[in-house]
Protein backbone atom coordinates (compact mmCIF):
# COMPACT_ATOMS: atom_id res chain seq x y z
CA MET A 1 111.55 110.91 111.95
CA GLU A 2 112.13 107.19 111.13
CA ILE A 3 111.67 107.67 107.48
CA ARG A 4 114.59 110.08 107.52
CA PHE A 5 116.46 107.53 109.13
CA LEU A 6 115.46 105.00 106.52
CA GLN A 7 116.26 106.85 103.49
CA GLU A 8 119.64 107.54 105.09
CA ARG A 9 120.48 103.70 105.18
CA LEU A 10 118.85 103.08 101.79
CA GLU A 11 121.37 105.50 100.50
CA GLU A 12 124.04 103.71 101.70
CA ILE A 13 123.17 100.65 100.56
CA ALA A 14 122.48 102.14 97.08
CA GLY A 15 126.04 103.91 97.43
CA ASP A 16 127.63 100.49 98.38
CA ASN A 17 125.93 98.32 95.71
CA THR A 18 125.26 99.18 92.46
CA GLY A 19 123.68 95.85 91.09
CA ARG A 20 120.50 95.29 89.36
CA GLU A 21 118.91 93.49 91.88
CA VAL A 22 119.69 96.26 94.25
CA SER A 23 118.68 98.99 92.74
CA GLY A 24 115.26 97.71 91.89
CA GLN A 25 114.88 96.79 95.69
CA VAL A 26 116.11 100.54 96.54
CA GLU A 27 113.78 101.98 93.90
CA HIS A 28 110.62 100.19 95.67
CA PHE A 29 111.88 101.25 99.11
CA GLN A 30 112.35 104.95 97.81
CA ASN A 31 109.08 104.88 96.38
CA GLN A 32 107.49 103.48 99.34
CA LEU A 33 108.72 105.80 101.85
CA ILE A 34 107.64 108.67 99.28
CA ILE A 35 104.35 107.29 99.90
CA HIS A 36 104.43 106.81 103.69
CA ARG A 37 105.91 110.09 103.99
CA GLU A 38 102.43 111.87 101.88
CA GLN A 39 100.33 109.44 104.09
CA ILE A 40 101.78 110.87 107.30
CA ASP A 41 101.67 114.85 105.66
CA GLN A 42 97.94 114.05 104.65
CA LEU A 43 97.19 112.26 108.52
CA LYS A 44 98.95 115.55 110.13
CA HIS A 45 96.95 117.92 107.76
CA ARG A 46 93.75 116.25 108.63
CA ILE A 47 94.42 116.12 112.22
CA ASN A 48 94.84 120.01 112.30
CA ILE A 49 91.65 120.59 110.48
CA ASN A 50 89.96 118.29 112.96
CA LEU A 51 91.44 120.01 115.93
CA ASP A 52 90.28 123.42 114.34
CA GLN A 53 87.09 122.49 114.05
CA VAL A 54 86.91 121.24 117.65
CA THR A 55 88.15 124.43 118.72
CA ALA A 56 85.61 126.05 116.62
CA GLU A 57 82.89 124.19 117.85
CA LEU A 58 83.67 124.73 121.74
CA LYS A 59 83.67 128.33 121.05
CA ARG A 60 80.21 128.56 119.26
CA SER A 61 78.65 126.38 121.95
CA SER A 62 78.96 125.39 125.28
CA ASN A 63 81.21 121.91 125.60
CA PHE A 64 79.39 120.64 122.64
CA ILE A 65 81.02 118.76 119.50
CA GLN A 66 78.97 117.84 116.45
CA GLU A 67 78.71 114.03 116.26
CA ALA A 68 80.19 114.57 112.69
CA THR A 69 83.38 116.03 114.40
CA VAL A 70 83.72 113.08 116.66
CA ASP A 71 83.36 110.59 113.92
CA ALA A 72 85.86 112.44 111.58
CA ALA A 73 88.41 112.27 114.42
CA ASN A 74 87.68 108.22 115.19
CA GLN A 75 88.31 107.90 111.60
CA ILE A 76 91.89 109.72 111.71
CA GLY A 77 92.52 107.72 114.60
CA ALA A 78 91.80 104.65 112.47
CA ASP A 79 93.46 105.58 109.44
CA TYR A 80 96.47 106.61 111.79
CA GLU A 81 96.50 102.84 113.33
CA GLN A 82 96.32 101.28 109.74
CA GLU A 83 99.36 103.31 108.83
CA GLU A 84 101.33 102.51 111.50
CA GLN A 85 100.67 98.80 111.15
CA LEU A 86 101.23 99.46 107.06
CA PHE A 87 104.74 101.25 107.79
CA LYS A 88 105.90 98.32 110.59
CA THR A 89 105.39 95.62 107.65
CA LEU A 90 107.70 97.97 105.34
CA ARG A 91 109.98 98.81 108.38
CA GLN A 92 110.49 94.77 108.78
CA GLU A 93 110.97 94.30 105.15
CA PHE A 94 113.67 97.07 104.57
CA ASN A 95 115.59 95.51 108.02
CA ARG A 96 115.88 92.68 105.81
CA PHE A 97 116.72 93.60 102.72
CA ALA A 98 119.53 95.68 104.69
CA ALA A 99 120.64 92.98 106.58
CA LYS A 100 121.30 91.16 103.51
CA TRP A 101 123.11 94.47 101.64
CA MET A 102 125.05 96.02 104.75
């Protein structure tokens, strides 16, 4: 997982640089990685719930899925895309930080 890789790099930077400026940025990135990990876990959970709902609806009726279930799937997709963009921005910010301190 990419978050794990960034966390390992962050730990390397924190170990090699103990200054106040670096420690503040390390804390910022640690917090951001925690937030993104939680967001990804929530998305996975929502996906699993939606898939279970789709399966149940398909079993109850002949290839019919309620509009609300489809809407929920579409919202999950939109939320995933937003998370992907936010993480991409964080990764770029992290790479600039890492280039400066490694």
